[in-house]
C-alpha atoms as a PDB file:
ATOM      1  CA  MET A   1     -22.898 -48.496  44.608  1.00  0.00           C
ATOM      2  CA  LYS A   2     -21.694 -49.684  41.063  1.00  0.00           C
ATOM      3  CA  ASN A   3     -24.809 -47.443  39.600  1.00  0.00           C
ATOM      4  CA  ASN A   4     -23.517 -44.207  41.710  1.00  0.00           C
ATOM      5  CA  SER A   5     -19.498 -44.842  40.297  1.00  0.00           C
ATOM      6  CA  LEU A   6     -21.067 -45.348  36.711  1.00  0.00           C
ATOM      7  CA  TYR A   7     -23.436 -42.202  36.847  1.00  0.00           C
ATOM      8  CA  ILE A   8     -20.126 -40.291  38.739  1.00  0.00           C
ATOM      9  CA  ILE A   9     -18.055 -41.243  35.255  1.00  0.00           C
ATOM     10  CA  LEU A  10     -20.977 -40.353  32.717  1.00  0.00           C
ATOM     11  CA  LEU A  11     -21.003 -36.816  34.485  1.00  0.00           C
ATOM     12  CA  THR A  12     -17.566 -36.469  34.429  1.00  0.00           C
ATOM     13  CA  LEU A  13     -17.711 -37.266  30.353  1.00  0.00           C
ATOM     14  CA  LEU A  14     -20.161 -34.292  29.698  1.00  0.00           C
ATOM     15  CA  SER A  15     -17.814 -32.236  31.412  1.00  0.00           C
ATOM     16  CA  PHE A  16     -15.557 -32.371  29.956  1.00  0.00           C
ATOM     17  CA  SER A  17     -17.561 -32.924  26.440  1.00  0.00           C
ATOM     18  CA  ALA A  18     -19.199 -29.449  27.218  1.00  0.00           C
ATOM     19  CA  LEU A  19     -15.794 -27.927  28.526  1.00  0.00           C
ATOM     20  CA  GLY A  20     -14.414 -29.015  24.851  1.00  0.00           C
ATOM     21  CA  GLN A  21     -17.176 -27.384  22.872  1.00  0.00           C
ATOM     22  CA  THR A  22     -16.757 -23.673  24.801  1.00  0.00           C
ATOM     23  CA  LYS A  23     -16.060 -21.010  22.450  1.00  0.00           C
ATOM     24  CA  LYS A  24     -13.942 -18.458  23.491  1.00  0.00           C
ATOM     25  CA  LEU A  25     -15.627 -14.762  24.354  1.00  0.00           C
ATOM     26  CA  LYS A  26     -16.108 -12.748  21.593  1.00  0.00           C
ATOM     27  CA  ASN A  27     -14.488  -9.000  21.836  1.00  0.00           C
ATOM     28  CA  GLN A  28     -17.198  -6.703  20.282  1.00  0.00           C
ATOM     29  CA  PRO A  29     -19.386  -9.124  18.540  1.00  0.00           C
ATOM     30  CA  LYS A  30     -21.742  -6.882  17.250  1.00  0.00           C
ATOM     31  CA  TYR A  31     -18.756  -4.532  16.130  1.00  0.00           C
ATOM     32  CA  ASP A  32     -19.494  -5.592  12.121  1.00  0.00           C
ATOM     33  CA  LYS A  33     -23.241  -4.783  12.461  1.00  0.00           C
ATOM     34  CA  LYS A  34     -22.130  -1.416  12.735  1.00  0.00           C
ATOM     35  CA  LEU A  35     -23.365   0.391   9.318  1.00  0.00           C
ATOM     36  CA  ILE A  36     -20.124   3.198   8.812  1.00  0.00           C
ATOM     37  CA  HIS A  37     -17.064   3.383  11.533  1.00  0.00           C
ATOM     38  CA  PHE A  38     -14.240   5.437  10.958  1.00  0.00           C
ATOM     39  CA  GLY A  39     -10.418   5.011  12.125  1.00  0.00           C
ATOM     40  CA  PHE A  40      -6.830   5.722  11.091  1.00  0.00           C
ATOM     41  CA  PHE A  41      -3.684   4.089  10.398  1.00  0.00           C
ATOM     42  CA  LEU A  42       0.019   4.795  10.314  1.00  0.00           C
ATOM     43  CA  GLY A  43       2.811   3.117   7.573  1.00  0.00           C
ATOM     44  CA  VAL A  44       6.309   2.812   6.108  1.00  0.00           C
ATOM     45  CA  ASN A  45       6.291   3.000   2.337  1.00  0.00           C
ATOM     46  CA  TRP A  46       8.515   1.783  -0.984  1.00  0.00           C
ATOM     47  CA  TYR A  47       7.938   4.030  -3.808  1.00  0.00           C
ATOM     48  CA  ASP A  48       9.553   2.418  -6.722  1.00  0.00           C
ATOM     49  CA  LEU A  49      10.004   4.001 -10.734  1.00  0.00           C
ATOM     50  CA  ARG A  50       8.684   1.297 -12.960  1.00  0.00           C
ATOM     51  CA  ILE A  51      11.197   3.269 -15.656  1.00  0.00           C
ATOM     52  CA  ASP A  52      10.345   1.951 -19.884  1.00  0.00           C
ATOM     53  CA  PRO A  53      13.115   2.659 -22.139  1.00  0.00           C
ATOM     54  CA  VAL A  54      12.852   3.873 -25.823  1.00  0.00           C
ATOM     55  CA  GLN A  55      12.945   1.104 -28.079  1.00  0.00           C
ATOM     56  CA  ASP A  56      16.468   1.391 -29.327  1.00  0.00           C
ATOM     57  CA  ILE A  57      17.934   3.093 -26.494  1.00  0.00           C
ATOM     58  CA  ALA A  58      22.059   1.790 -27.889  1.00  0.00           C
ATOM     59  CA  SER A  59      21.246   4.445 -30.595  1.00  0.00           C
ATOM     60  CA  ILE A  60      21.827   7.079 -28.250  1.00  0.00           C
ATOM     61  CA  PRO A  61      24.690   9.254 -28.506  1.00  0.00           C
ATOM     62  CA  ASN A  62      26.545   9.264 -24.697  1.00  0.00           C
ATOM     63  CA  TYR A  63      23.468   7.246 -23.173  1.00  0.00           C
ATOM     64  CA  HIS A  64      24.222   4.141 -21.110  1.00  0.00           C
ATOM     65  CA  GLY A  65      21.850   3.171 -19.339  1.00  0.00           C
ATOM     66  CA  PHE A  66      19.544   4.296 -15.485  1.00  0.00           C
ATOM     67  CA  ARG A  67      18.983   2.245 -12.598  1.00  0.00           C
ATOM     68  CA  SER A  68      16.329   3.588  -9.327  1.00  0.00           C
ATOM     69  CA  GLU A  69      17.136   3.496  -5.833  1.00  0.00           C
ATOM     70  CA  VAL A  70      13.967   3.432  -3.291  1.00  0.00           C
ATOM     71  CA  ASN A  71      14.378   5.158  -0.363  1.00  0.00           C
ATOM     72  CA  PRO A  72      11.144   4.193   2.706  1.00  0.00           C
ATOM     73  CA  GLY A  73       8.902   6.798   3.694  1.00  0.00           C
ATOM     74  CA  TYR A  74       5.903   7.073   5.495  1.00  0.00           C
ATOM     75  CA  SER A  75       1.470   7.312   5.415  1.00  0.00           C
ATOM     76  CA  ILE A  76      -0.972   7.949   7.453  1.00  0.00           C
ATOM     77  CA  GLY A  77      -4.635   7.812   6.279  1.00  0.00           C
ATOM     78  CA  ILE A  78      -7.900   8.132   7.665  1.00  0.00           C
ATOM     79  CA  ILE A  79     -10.465   5.232   7.651  1.00  0.00           C
ATOM     80  CA  SER A  80     -14.419   5.454   6.286  1.00  0.00           C
ATOM     81  CA  ASP A  81     -15.746   1.853   5.915  1.00  0.00           C
ATOM     82  CA  LEU A  82     -19.233   1.161   4.756  1.00  0.00           C
ATOM     83  CA  ARG A  83     -21.181  -2.031   5.840  1.00  0.00           C
ATOM     84  CA  LEU A  84     -22.109  -3.295   2.776  1.00  0.00           C
ATOM     85  CA  SER A  85     -22.905  -7.159   3.765  1.00  0.00           C
ATOM     86  CA  ASP A  86     -21.373  -9.431   6.176  1.00  0.00           C
ATOM     87  CA  HIS A  87     -18.209 -10.023   3.934  1.00  0.00           C
ATOM     88  CA  PHE A  88     -18.054  -7.089   1.981  1.00  0.00           C
ATOM     89  CA  THR A  89     -17.856  -3.483   2.764  1.00  0.00           C
ATOM     90  CA  LEU A  90     -16.383  -0.143   0.800  1.00  0.00           C
ATOM     91  CA  ARG A  91     -13.473   1.911   2.371  1.00  0.00           C
ATOM     92  CA  PHE A  92     -12.672   5.414   1.458  1.00  0.00           C
ATOM     93  CA  ILE A  93      -9.131   6.617   2.911  1.00  0.00           C
ATOM     94  CA  PRO A  94      -7.555   9.982   2.261  1.00  0.00           C
ATOM     95  CA  THR A  95      -3.909   9.921   2.895  1.00  0.00           C
ATOM     96  CA  PHE A  96      -0.929  11.473   2.958  1.00  0.00           C
ATOM     97  CA  ALA A  97       2.239  10.079   1.776  1.00  0.00           C
ATOM     98  CA  THR A  98       5.515  11.028   1.522  1.00  0.00           C
ATOM     99  CA  THR A  99       8.784   9.295  -0.006  1.00  0.00           C
ATOM    100  CA  GLU A 100      12.213   9.940  -1.969  1.00  0.00           C
ATOM    101  CA  ARG A 101      13.543   8.277  -5.196  1.00  0.00           C
ATOM    102  CA  THR A 102      17.015   7.960  -6.613  1.00  0.00           C
ATOM    103  CA  LEU A 103      17.446   7.943 -10.129  1.00  0.00           C
ATOM    104  CA  TYR A 104      21.251   7.490 -11.667  1.00  0.00           C
ATOM    105  CA  PHE A 105      21.816   7.678 -15.584  1.00  0.00           C
ATOM    106  CA  ASP A 106      25.015   6.399 -16.912  1.00  0.00           C
ATOM    107  CA  LEU A 107      26.117   9.966 -19.613  1.00  0.00           C
ATOM    108  CA  THR A 108      29.186  11.073 -21.175  1.00  0.00           C
ATOM    109  CA  SER A 109      29.236  14.686 -20.942  1.00  0.00           C
ATOM    110  CA  PRO A 110      28.857  16.175 -24.773  1.00  0.00           C
ATOM    111  CA  ASN A 111      30.772  18.859 -23.679  1.00  0.00           C
ATOM    112  CA  THR A 112      34.224  17.902 -21.916  1.00  0.00           C
ATOM    113  CA  GLY A 113      33.484  13.736 -23.037  1.00  0.00           C
ATOM    114  CA  GLU A 114      33.885  12.670 -19.327  1.00  0.00           C
ATOM    115  CA  ARG A 115      31.637   9.708 -18.434  1.00  0.00           C
ATOM    116  CA  LYS A 116      30.128   9.331 -14.919  1.00  0.00           C
ATOM    117  CA  GLU A 117      26.856   8.667 -13.559  1.00  0.00           C
ATOM    118  CA  ILE A 118      24.688  11.517 -12.527  1.00  0.00           C
ATOM    119  CA  GLU A 119      21.928  11.499 -10.206  1.00  0.00           C
ATOM    120  CA  ARG A 120      18.573  13.163  -9.797  1.00  0.00           C
ATOM    121  CA  ASP A 121      16.999  13.254  -6.304  1.00  0.00           C
ATOM    122  CA  ILE A 122      12.844  13.070  -6.523  1.00  0.00           C
ATOM    123  CA  GLU A 123      10.757  14.218  -3.235  1.00  0.00           C
ATOM    124  CA  SER A 124       7.596  13.093  -3.353  1.00  0.00           C
ATOM    125  CA  SER A 125       4.051  14.239  -1.027  1.00  0.00           C
ATOM    126  CA  PHE A 126       1.529  12.547  -1.956  1.00  0.00           C
ATOM    127  CA  VAL A 127      -2.852  13.329  -1.098  1.00  0.00           C
ATOM    128  CA  ASP A 128      -4.221  10.124  -1.740  1.00  0.00           C
ATOM    129  CA  PHE A 129      -8.066   8.932  -2.504  1.00  0.00           C
ATOM    130  CA  PRO A 130      -8.237   5.752  -3.122  1.00  0.00           C
ATOM    131  CA  PHE A 131     -12.050   3.570  -2.897  1.00  0.00           C
ATOM    132  CA  TYR A 132     -11.377   0.086  -1.690  1.00  0.00           C
ATOM    133  CA  LEU A 133     -14.035  -2.476  -1.968  1.00  0.00           C
ATOM    134  CA  LYS A 134     -12.965  -4.972   1.255  1.00  0.00           C
ATOM    135  CA  TYR A 135     -13.859  -8.823   1.828  1.00  0.00           C
ATOM    136  CA  ARG A 136     -13.578 -10.196   4.745  1.00  0.00           C
ATOM    137  CA  SER A 137     -13.405 -13.892   5.615  1.00  0.00           C
ATOM    138  CA  THR A 138     -15.951 -15.550   8.546  1.00  0.00           C
ATOM    139  CA  ARG A 139     -14.439 -14.662  11.814  1.00  0.00           C
ATOM    140  CA  ILE A 140     -12.959 -17.180  13.918  1.00  0.00           C
ATOM    141  CA  ASN A 141     -13.005 -16.344  17.289  1.00  0.00           C
ATOM    142  CA  ASN A 142     -11.716 -12.764  17.965  1.00  0.00           C
ATOM    143  CA  TYR A 143      -9.742 -12.137  13.941  1.00  0.00           C
ATOM    144  CA  ARG A 144     -10.695 -11.972  10.445  1.00  0.00           C
ATOM    145  CA  TRP A 145      -8.664 -12.309   7.460  1.00  0.00           C
ATOM    146  CA  TYR A 146      -9.331  -9.667   4.796  1.00  0.00           C
ATOM    147  CA  VAL A 147      -8.785  -8.794   1.260  1.00  0.00           C
ATOM    148  CA  LEU A 148      -8.881  -5.807  -0.559  1.00  0.00           C
ATOM    149  CA  GLY A 149      -8.853  -4.411  -3.963  1.00  0.00           C
ATOM    150  CA  GLY A 150      -9.633  -1.020  -5.503  1.00  0.00           C
ATOM    151  CA  VAL A 151      -8.501   2.602  -7.221  1.00  0.00           C
ATOM    152  CA  LYS A 152      -6.843   6.108  -6.305  1.00  0.00           C
ATOM    153  CA  TYR A 153      -6.401   9.305  -7.453  1.00  0.00           C
ATOM    154  CA  SER A 154      -2.847  10.930  -6.405  1.00  0.00           C
ATOM    155  CA  LEU A 155      -1.719  14.048  -6.250  1.00  0.00           C
ATOM    156  CA  ASP A 156       2.072  14.784  -5.287  1.00  0.00           C
ATOM    157  CA  LEU A 157       2.190  18.035  -3.953  1.00  0.00           C
ATOM    158  CA  SER A 158       5.949  18.177  -3.992  1.00  0.00           C
ATOM    159  CA  SER A 159       6.114  17.721  -8.203  1.00  0.00           C
ATOM    160  CA  LYS A 160       7.502  20.412 -10.058  1.00  0.00           C
ATOM    161  CA  GLN A 161       6.844  19.490 -13.141  1.00  0.00           C
ATOM    162  CA  ASP A 162       6.718  23.113 -14.685  1.00  0.00           C
ATOM    163  CA  VAL A 163       9.757  24.370 -12.842  1.00  0.00           C
ATOM    164  CA  GLU A 164      12.818  25.077 -15.634  1.00  0.00           C
ATOM    165  CA  ASP A 165      15.986  23.492 -13.530  1.00  0.00           C
ATOM    166  CA  ASP A 166      17.767  20.899 -16.267  1.00  0.00           C
ATOM    167  CA  LEU A 167      18.925  19.723 -13.009  1.00  0.00           C
ATOM    168  CA  ILE A 168      15.787  18.392 -11.880  1.00  0.00           C
ATOM    169  CA  PHE A 169      14.575  15.700 -12.926  1.00  0.00           C
ATOM    170  CA  LYS A 170      10.365  16.279 -13.346  1.00  0.00           C
ATOM    171  CA  LEU A 171       7.289  14.247 -12.863  1.00  0.00           C
ATOM    172  CA  ASN A 172       3.530  15.110 -13.593  1.00  0.00           C
ATOM    173  CA  ARG A 173       1.791  15.390 -10.441  1.00  0.00           C
ATOM    174  CA  ASN A 174      -1.139  13.339 -11.562  1.00  0.00           C
ATOM    175  CA  ASP A 175      -1.541   9.574 -10.931  1.00  0.00           C
ATOM    176  CA  VAL A 176      -4.243   7.004 -11.435  1.00  0.00           C
ATOM    177  CA  ALA A 177      -3.071   3.950  -9.430  1.00  0.00           C
ATOM    178  CA  ALA A 178      -4.573  -0.029  -8.865  1.00  0.00           C
ATOM    179  CA  GLU A 179      -4.314  -1.633  -5.879  1.00  0.00           C
ATOM    180  CA  VAL A 180      -4.690  -4.782  -3.812  1.00  0.00           C
ATOM    181  CA  GLY A 181      -3.956  -5.838  -0.838  1.00  0.00           C
ATOM    182  CA  ILE A 182      -4.262  -8.172   2.158  1.00  0.00           C
ATOM    183  CA  GLY A 183      -4.753  -8.304   5.842  1.00  0.00           C
ATOM    184  CA  LEU A 184      -5.875  -9.735   9.294  1.00  0.00           C
ATOM    185  CA  ASP A 185      -8.171  -8.196  11.346  1.00  0.00           C
ATOM    186  CA  PHE A 186      -7.747  -8.156  15.301  1.00  0.00           C
ATOM    187  CA  TYR A 187     -10.980  -7.631  17.895  1.00  0.00           C
ATOM    188  CA  PHE A 188      -9.880  -6.777  21.165  1.00  0.00           C
ATOM    189  CA  GLU A 189     -11.961  -4.564  23.705  1.00  0.00           C
ATOM    190  CA  TYR A 190     -11.877  -0.881  22.812  1.00  0.00           C
ATOM    191  CA  PHE A 191     -10.909  -1.127  19.128  1.00  0.00           C
ATOM    192  CA  LYS A 192      -9.772  -3.778  16.424  1.00  0.00           C
ATOM    193  CA  PHE A 193      -6.468  -3.881  15.157  1.00  0.00           C
ATOM    194  CA  SER A 194      -5.151  -4.650  11.875  1.00  0.00           C
ATOM    195  CA  PRO A 195      -1.622  -4.965  10.207  1.00  0.00           C
ATOM    196  CA  GLN A 196      -2.158  -4.704   6.269  1.00  0.00           C
ATOM    197  CA  LEU A 197       0.676  -5.217   3.114  1.00  0.00           C
ATOM    198  CA  LYS A 198      -0.706  -3.503   0.268  1.00  0.00           C
ATOM    199  CA  ALA A 199       0.849  -3.218  -3.362  1.00  0.00           C
ATOM    200  CA  SER A 200       0.558  -0.370  -5.542  1.00  0.00           C
ATOM    201  CA  TRP A 201       0.922  -0.316  -9.667  1.00  0.00           C
ATOM    202  CA  GLY A 202       0.699   3.699 -10.996  1.00  0.00           C
ATOM    203  CA  THR A 203      -1.228   3.866 -14.516  1.00  0.00           C
ATOM    204  CA  SER A 204      -0.296   7.156 -15.431  1.00  0.00           C
ATOM    205  CA  ASN A 205       2.919   7.864 -17.388  1.00  0.00           C
ATOM    206  CA  LEU A 206       4.342  10.821 -15.461  1.00  0.00           C
ATOM    207  CA  LEU A 207       7.339  11.432 -17.207  1.00  0.00           C
ATOM    208  CA  VAL A 208       7.674  15.260 -18.205  1.00  0.00           C
ATOM    209  CA  GLN A 209       9.735  15.337 -21.519  1.00  0.00           C
ATOM    210  CA  ASP A 210      12.100  18.097 -20.751  1.00  0.00           C
ATOM    211  CA  GLY A 211      14.885  17.939 -23.359  1.00  0.00           C
ATOM    212  CA  THR A 212      17.158  17.230 -20.895  1.00  0.00           C
ATOM    213  CA  GLN A 213      19.612  14.522 -21.086  1.00  0.00           C
ATOM    214  CA  PRO A 214      18.633  11.698 -18.835  1.00  0.00           C
ATOM    215  CA  VAL A 215      15.273  12.284 -20.471  1.00  0.00           C
ATOM    216  CA  GLU A 216      15.968  10.603 -23.685  1.00  0.00           C
ATOM    217  CA  GLY A 217      16.052   7.279 -23.169  1.00  0.00           C
ATOM    218  CA  ILE A 218      13.133   6.825 -21.211  1.00  0.00           C
ATOM    219  CA  SER A 219       9.910   6.592 -23.308  1.00  0.00           C
ATOM    220  CA  ALA A 220       7.880   6.525 -19.510  1.00  0.00           C
ATOM    221  CA  ILE A 221       7.744   5.929 -15.951  1.00  0.00           C
ATOM    222  CA  TYR A 222       4.972   4.877 -13.769  1.00  0.00           C
ATOM    223  CA  ASN A 223       5.141   4.715  -9.683  1.00  0.00           C
ATOM    224  CA  ARG A 224       4.733   1.555  -8.344  1.00  0.00           C
ATOM    225  CA  ALA A 225       5.071   1.038  -4.390  1.00  0.00           C
ATOM    226  CA  ILE A 226       5.083  -0.946  -1.279  1.00  0.00           C
ATOM    227  CA  PHE A 227       2.801  -0.196   1.726  1.00  0.00           C
ATOM    228  CA  LEU A 228       3.195  -1.747   5.230  1.00  0.00           C
ATOM    229  CA  ASN A 229       0.125  -0.309   7.284  1.00  0.00           C
ATOM    230  CA  LEU A 230      -1.210  -0.810  11.060  1.00  0.00           C
ATOM    231  CA  THR A 231      -4.538   0.189  11.105  1.00  0.00           C
ATOM    232  CA  PHE A 232      -6.738   0.879  14.171  1.00  0.00           C
ATOM    233  CA  GLU A 233     -10.750   1.551  14.196  1.00  0.00           C
END
């Protein structure tokens, strides 16, 4: 009887040990072995402008300063992903993004002597062509962290760089930017879902020197942005 009791206790302990070592069943266990896969994303963007003043802005007559205001926009893109190894993939994500920025200039009119804040709205519709290198951590059950970095070329379809109108603040339509991001892949039964946070820094001076008063105090202007994306692959 004593031997039977020991056998039952030992069997029970082994059962609990085996249960504790059981791993959660993985969804789509062979997903990351595919050479190529596709998807799409929807997102919200916050485009701002980094504005560099001229060296001695205080010496410019009738010019007192400027500021910018950010308005949220939206983004949508198509994902193409090429597997390079267990941890690295190459991604090409053509994207359409739209946004609106507002610039305010503190100026004194040379004609009337009245000092007031001048407002200029800048609407942009970007077609982006980015390439990213994505590094993925080791998969744990049904999730996997990742970071990515790359460059993109942007074409602003709404740019008015060639329009002759003194009431329009003009930006060049072509830009090149560096981008980095972080996200988390969630593997579901039929698809992979990933929230992603990404930052972008434009490298091209977008300022159009059109001789108008607002541009007199600016030496350079660059795009910068934050993106919150939801991807489905």
